Amino acid sequence: MAKEYHSLAAFYPFYLSQHTNVLCRRLHFCGSLIGLFCLLFAVLNQNYWLILAGIGVGYLFAWIGHFVFEKNRPATFQYPLYSFVCDWLMFRDILLQRIPW
């Protein structure tokens, strides 16, 4: 039985524990960055299909990181909303050098 999380603050430490491999974190970061670029290009070009492409690429990079390098099941399968938000928190923390790149 999986643990239930009732707040983002409680979930984030668990999320980080699922991202100890530096290559997994790098793939997450790169996937999120590509997703941001896709969002920007989608808005600038009014081609909103690029948003879906960005989401797809972002998750593809993250899942490769989990299955190939981290060797665990992505938390998004069980906690999709918390995982999505925490991915951006981790992105921010990598940018601010709170988490090793």
N, C-alpha and C. Protein backbone atom coordinates (compact mmCIF):
# COMPACT_ATOMS: atom_id res chain seq x y z
N MET A 1 0.84 -1.19 0.00
CA MET A 1 0.00 0.00 0.00
C MET A 1 0.88 1.25 0.00
N ALA A 2 0.63 2.14 -0.92
CA ALA A 2 1.43 3.35 -1.05
C ALA A 2 1.04 4.37 0.01
N LYS A 3 2.01 5.14 0.43
CA LYS A 3 1.77 6.19 1.38
C LYS A 3 0.93 7.30 0.74
N GLU A 4 0.04 7.88 1.51
CA GLU A 4 -0.74 9.01 1.01
C GLU A 4 -0.07 10.30 1.46
N TYR A 5 0.01 11.23 0.54
CA TYR A 5 0.57 12.54 0.84
C TYR A 5 -0.55 13.56 0.78
N HIS A 6 -0.58 14.43 1.79
CA HIS A 6 -1.66 15.40 1.88
C HIS A 6 -1.18 16.84 1.65
N SER A 7 0.09 16.97 1.33
CA SER A 7 0.59 18.31 1.01
C SER A 7 1.81 18.18 0.10
N LEU A 8 2.05 19.23 -0.64
CA LEU A 8 3.21 19.27 -1.52
C LEU A 8 4.49 19.26 -0.69
N ALA A 9 4.47 19.94 0.45
CA ALA A 9 5.65 19.99 1.32
C ALA A 9 6.02 18.60 1.84
N ALA A 10 5.05 17.77 2.08
CA ALA A 10 5.32 16.40 2.53
C ALA A 10 5.78 15.52 1.38
N PHE A 11 5.29 15.79 0.19
CA PHE A 11 5.60 14.96 -0.96
C PHE A 11 6.98 15.26 -1.55
N TYR A 12 7.41 16.51 -1.53
CA TYR A 12 8.65 16.90 -2.21
C TYR A 12 9.87 16.11 -1.74
N PRO A 13 10.08 15.88 -0.44
CA PRO A 13 11.23 15.05 -0.04
C PRO A 13 11.17 13.63 -0.63
N PHE A 14 9.97 13.05 -0.68
CA PHE A 14 9.83 11.74 -1.31
C PHE A 14 10.20 11.84 -2.79
N TYR A 15 9.70 12.87 -3.46
CA TYR A 15 9.98 13.07 -4.88
C TYR A 15 11.49 13.14 -5.12
N LEU A 16 12.18 13.92 -4.32
CA LEU A 16 13.63 14.04 -4.47
C LEU A 16 14.33 12.71 -4.21
N SER A 17 13.80 11.90 -3.31
CA SER A 17 14.41 10.60 -3.02
C SER A 17 14.31 9.66 -4.22
N GLN A 18 13.41 9.95 -5.14
CA GLN A 18 13.25 9.15 -6.35
C GLN A 18 14.11 9.67 -7.49
N HIS A 19 14.94 10.68 -7.21
CA HIS A 19 15.79 11.32 -8.22
C HIS A 19 17.22 11.48 -7.70
N THR A 20 17.79 10.41 -7.20
CA THR A 20 19.15 10.49 -6.65
C THR A 20 20.22 10.38 -7.73
N ASN A 21 19.89 9.78 -8.86
CA ASN A 21 20.84 9.61 -9.95
C ASN A 21 20.96 10.91 -10.73
N VAL A 22 22.19 11.38 -10.88
CA VAL A 22 22.40 12.68 -11.53
C VAL A 22 21.95 12.66 -12.99
N LEU A 23 22.10 11.54 -13.68
CA LEU A 23 21.66 11.48 -15.08
C LEU A 23 20.14 11.55 -15.18
N CYS A 24 19.45 10.97 -14.23
CA CYS A 24 17.99 11.07 -14.19
C CYS A 24 17.57 12.53 -14.01
N ARG A 25 18.22 13.21 -13.06
CA ARG A 25 17.89 14.63 -12.83
C ARG A 25 18.20 15.47 -14.07
N ARG A 26 19.30 15.18 -14.72
CA ARG A 26 19.66 15.93 -15.93
C ARG A 26 18.64 15.72 -17.04
N LEU A 27 18.20 14.49 -17.19
CA LEU A 27 17.17 14.23 -18.21
C LEU A 27 15.87 14.94 -17.87
N HIS A 28 15.50 14.96 -16.59
CA HIS A 28 14.31 15.71 -16.15
C HIS A 28 14.46 17.18 -16.51
N PHE A 29 15.62 17.73 -16.16
CA PHE A 29 15.87 19.15 -16.39
C PHE A 29 15.80 19.46 -17.88
N CYS A 30 16.48 18.66 -18.70
CA CYS A 30 16.48 18.90 -20.15
C CYS A 30 15.08 18.73 -20.74
N GLY A 31 14.35 17.72 -20.29
CA GLY A 31 12.98 17.53 -20.77
C GLY A 31 12.09 18.71 -20.42
N SER A 32 12.24 19.22 -19.21
CA SER A 32 11.44 20.37 -18.79
C SER A 32 11.82 21.62 -19.59
N LEU A 33 13.11 21.78 -19.83
CA LEU A 33 13.57 22.93 -20.61
C LEU A 33 13.04 22.87 -22.05
N ILE A 34 13.08 21.70 -22.65
CA ILE A 34 12.52 21.53 -23.98
C ILE A 34 11.02 21.82 -23.96
N GLY A 35 10.34 21.36 -22.92
CA GLY A 35 8.91 21.64 -22.77
C GLY A 35 8.63 23.14 -22.70
N LEU A 36 9.47 23.87 -21.97
CA LEU A 36 9.31 25.32 -21.89
C LEU A 36 9.50 25.98 -23.26
N PHE A 37 10.53 25.53 -23.99
CA PHE A 37 10.76 26.08 -25.34
C PHE A 37 9.58 25.77 -26.26
N CYS A 38 9.04 24.57 -26.16
CA CYS A 38 7.87 24.22 -26.97
C CYS A 38 6.69 25.12 -26.63
N LEU A 39 6.49 25.39 -25.35
CA LEU A 39 5.41 26.28 -24.93
C LEU A 39 5.62 27.68 -25.51
N LEU A 40 6.84 28.17 -25.41
CA LEU A 40 7.15 29.49 -25.96
C LEU A 40 6.90 29.54 -27.47
N PHE A 41 7.41 28.56 -28.20
CA PHE A 41 7.21 28.53 -29.65
C PHE A 41 5.73 28.35 -30.01
N ALA A 42 5.01 27.59 -29.19
CA ALA A 42 3.58 27.39 -29.45
C ALA A 42 2.84 28.72 -29.37
N VAL A 43 3.17 29.51 -28.35
CA VAL A 43 2.51 30.81 -28.19
C VAL A 43 2.93 31.78 -29.29
N LEU A 44 4.24 31.82 -29.56
CA LEU A 44 4.73 32.76 -30.58
C LEU A 44 4.20 32.43 -31.97
N ASN A 45 4.06 31.16 -32.27
CA ASN A 45 3.63 30.74 -33.60
C ASN A 45 2.15 30.36 -33.66
N GLN A 46 1.47 30.48 -32.56
CA GLN A 46 0.06 30.11 -32.44
C GLN A 46 -0.19 28.69 -32.97
N ASN A 47 0.75 27.81 -32.67
CA ASN A 47 0.64 26.40 -33.03
C ASN A 47 0.60 25.62 -31.72
N TYR A 48 -0.60 25.46 -31.20
CA TYR A 48 -0.75 24.93 -29.85
C TYR A 48 -0.53 23.42 -29.76
N TRP A 49 -0.36 22.77 -30.89
CA TRP A 49 0.02 21.35 -30.87
C TRP A 49 1.42 21.18 -30.29
N LEU A 50 2.22 22.22 -30.38
CA LEU A 50 3.57 22.16 -29.82
C LEU A 50 3.56 22.00 -28.31
N ILE A 51 2.50 22.43 -27.67
CA ILE A 51 2.39 22.25 -26.22
C ILE A 51 2.32 20.76 -25.91
N LEU A 52 1.52 20.04 -26.67
CA LEU A 52 1.45 18.58 -26.47
C LEU A 52 2.79 17.92 -26.76
N ALA A 53 3.47 18.39 -27.79
CA ALA A 53 4.79 17.84 -28.11
C ALA A 53 5.76 18.09 -26.96
N GLY A 54 5.72 19.27 -26.39
CA GLY A 54 6.59 19.60 -25.27
C GLY A 54 6.32 18.73 -24.05
N ILE A 55 5.05 18.50 -23.77
CA ILE A 55 4.69 17.62 -22.65
C ILE A 55 5.19 16.20 -22.93
N GLY A 56 4.97 15.74 -24.15
CA GLY A 56 5.40 14.40 -24.52
C GLY A 56 6.91 14.22 -24.40
N VAL A 57 7.66 15.19 -24.93
CA VAL A 57 9.12 15.11 -24.86
C VAL A 57 9.59 15.19 -23.41
N GLY A 58 8.99 16.07 -22.64
CA GLY A 58 9.37 16.20 -21.23
C GLY A 58 9.20 14.89 -20.48
N TYR A 59 8.04 14.26 -20.65
CA TYR A 59 7.81 12.99 -19.97
C TYR A 59 8.69 11.88 -20.52
N LEU A 60 8.95 11.88 -21.82
CA LEU A 60 9.82 10.87 -22.41
C LEU A 60 11.22 10.95 -21.78
N PHE A 61 11.78 12.14 -21.70
CA PHE A 61 13.10 12.30 -21.08
C PHE A 61 13.07 11.83 -19.62
N ALA A 62 12.05 12.23 -18.89
CA ALA A 62 11.95 11.85 -17.47
C ALA A 62 11.85 10.34 -17.31
N TRP A 63 11.02 9.71 -18.11
CA TRP A 63 10.82 8.27 -17.98
C TRP A 63 12.05 7.49 -18.39
N ILE A 64 12.78 7.97 -19.38
CA ILE A 64 14.06 7.33 -19.72
C ILE A 64 14.99 7.42 -18.51
N GLY A 65 15.01 8.57 -17.88
CA GLY A 65 15.85 8.74 -16.68
C GLY A 65 15.49 7.75 -15.59
N HIS A 66 14.20 7.53 -15.39
CA HIS A 66 13.78 6.61 -14.34
C HIS A 66 14.04 5.16 -14.70
N PHE A 67 13.62 4.75 -15.87
CA PHE A 67 13.72 3.34 -16.23
C PHE A 67 15.15 2.90 -16.54
N VAL A 68 15.96 3.79 -17.14
CA VAL A 68 17.30 3.42 -17.55
C VAL A 68 18.34 3.70 -16.47
N PHE A 69 18.27 4.86 -15.84
CA PHE A 69 19.32 5.26 -14.90
C PHE A 69 18.92 5.11 -13.43
N GLU A 70 17.75 5.58 -13.08
CA GLU A 70 17.31 5.52 -11.68
C GLU A 70 16.83 4.12 -11.31
N LYS A 71 16.32 3.41 -12.30
CA LYS A 71 15.79 2.05 -12.14
C LYS A 71 14.65 2.00 -11.12
N ASN A 72 13.74 2.96 -11.26
CA ASN A 72 12.53 2.96 -10.43
C ASN A 72 11.34 3.39 -11.28
N ARG A 73 10.19 3.28 -10.68
CA ARG A 73 8.94 3.63 -11.36
C ARG A 73 8.67 5.11 -11.12
N PRO A 74 8.41 5.89 -12.16
CA PRO A 74 8.16 7.32 -11.97
C PRO A 74 7.00 7.57 -11.00
N ALA A 75 7.19 8.52 -10.12
CA ALA A 75 6.16 8.87 -9.14
C ALA A 75 4.90 9.41 -9.81
N THR A 76 5.03 9.89 -11.02
CA THR A 76 3.88 10.46 -11.73
C THR A 76 2.78 9.43 -11.96
N PHE A 77 3.13 8.15 -12.00
CA PHE A 77 2.12 7.12 -12.19
C PHE A 77 1.16 7.05 -11.02
N GLN A 78 1.66 7.36 -9.82
CA GLN A 78 0.82 7.29 -8.63
C GLN A 78 0.36 8.66 -8.13
N TYR A 79 1.19 9.67 -8.36
CA TYR A 79 0.90 11.03 -7.87
C TYR A 79 1.09 12.03 -9.02
N PRO A 80 0.22 12.02 -10.00
CA PRO A 80 0.47 12.85 -11.20
C PRO A 80 0.56 14.35 -10.95
N LEU A 81 -0.32 14.90 -10.16
CA LEU A 81 -0.31 16.35 -9.95
C LEU A 81 0.88 16.78 -9.10
N TYR A 82 1.07 16.10 -7.97
CA TYR A 82 2.21 16.42 -7.12
C TYR A 82 3.52 16.26 -7.88
N SER A 83 3.63 15.22 -8.68
CA SER A 83 4.86 14.97 -9.43
C SER A 83 5.12 16.06 -10.46
N PHE A 84 4.06 16.50 -11.14
CA PHE A 84 4.21 17.56 -12.12
C PHE A 84 4.72 18.84 -11.47
N VAL A 85 4.13 19.20 -10.35
CA VAL A 85 4.54 20.42 -9.65
C VAL A 85 5.97 20.26 -9.11
N CYS A 86 6.26 19.09 -8.53
CA CYS A 86 7.59 18.87 -7.97
C CYS A 86 8.68 18.84 -9.04
N ASP A 87 8.32 18.43 -10.24
CA ASP A 87 9.31 18.48 -11.32
C ASP A 87 9.76 19.92 -11.54
N TRP A 88 8.83 20.85 -11.47
CA TRP A 88 9.18 22.26 -11.65
C TRP A 88 9.91 22.81 -10.44
N LEU A 89 9.58 22.30 -9.25
CA LEU A 89 10.34 22.70 -8.06
C LEU A 89 11.78 22.21 -8.16
N MET A 90 11.95 20.96 -8.63
CA MET A 90 13.30 20.43 -8.80
C MET A 90 14.04 21.21 -9.89
N PHE A 91 13.35 21.56 -10.96
CA PHE A 91 13.94 22.38 -12.03
C PHE A 91 14.47 23.69 -11.44
N ARG A 92 13.63 24.33 -10.64
CA ARG A 92 14.02 25.59 -9.98
C ARG A 92 15.23 25.36 -9.07
N ASP A 93 15.19 24.30 -8.27
CA ASP A 93 16.27 24.04 -7.33
C ASP A 93 17.58 23.69 -8.03
N ILE A 94 17.50 23.06 -9.19
CA ILE A 94 18.72 22.82 -9.98
C ILE A 94 19.25 24.14 -10.51
N LEU A 95 18.36 24.99 -11.03
CA LEU A 95 18.79 26.31 -11.52
C LEU A 95 19.45 27.14 -10.43
N LEU A 96 18.90 27.06 -9.22
CA LEU A 96 19.45 27.83 -8.09
C LEU A 96 20.60 27.12 -7.40
N GLN A 97 21.02 26.00 -7.95
CA GLN A 97 22.14 25.19 -7.44
C GLN A 97 21.90 24.66 -6.03
N ARG A 98 20.65 24.43 -5.69
CA ARG A 98 20.31 23.78 -4.41
C ARG A 98 20.43 22.27 -4.52
N ILE A 99 20.30 21.79 -5.76
CA ILE A 99 20.43 20.38 -6.06
C ILE A 99 21.52 20.24 -7.11
N PRO A 100 22.46 19.29 -6.91
CA PRO A 100 23.56 19.15 -7.88
C PRO A 100 23.09 18.82 -9.27
N TRP A 101 23.70 19.44 -10.24
CA TRP A 101 23.43 19.20 -11.65
C TRP A 101 24.25 18.02 -12.05
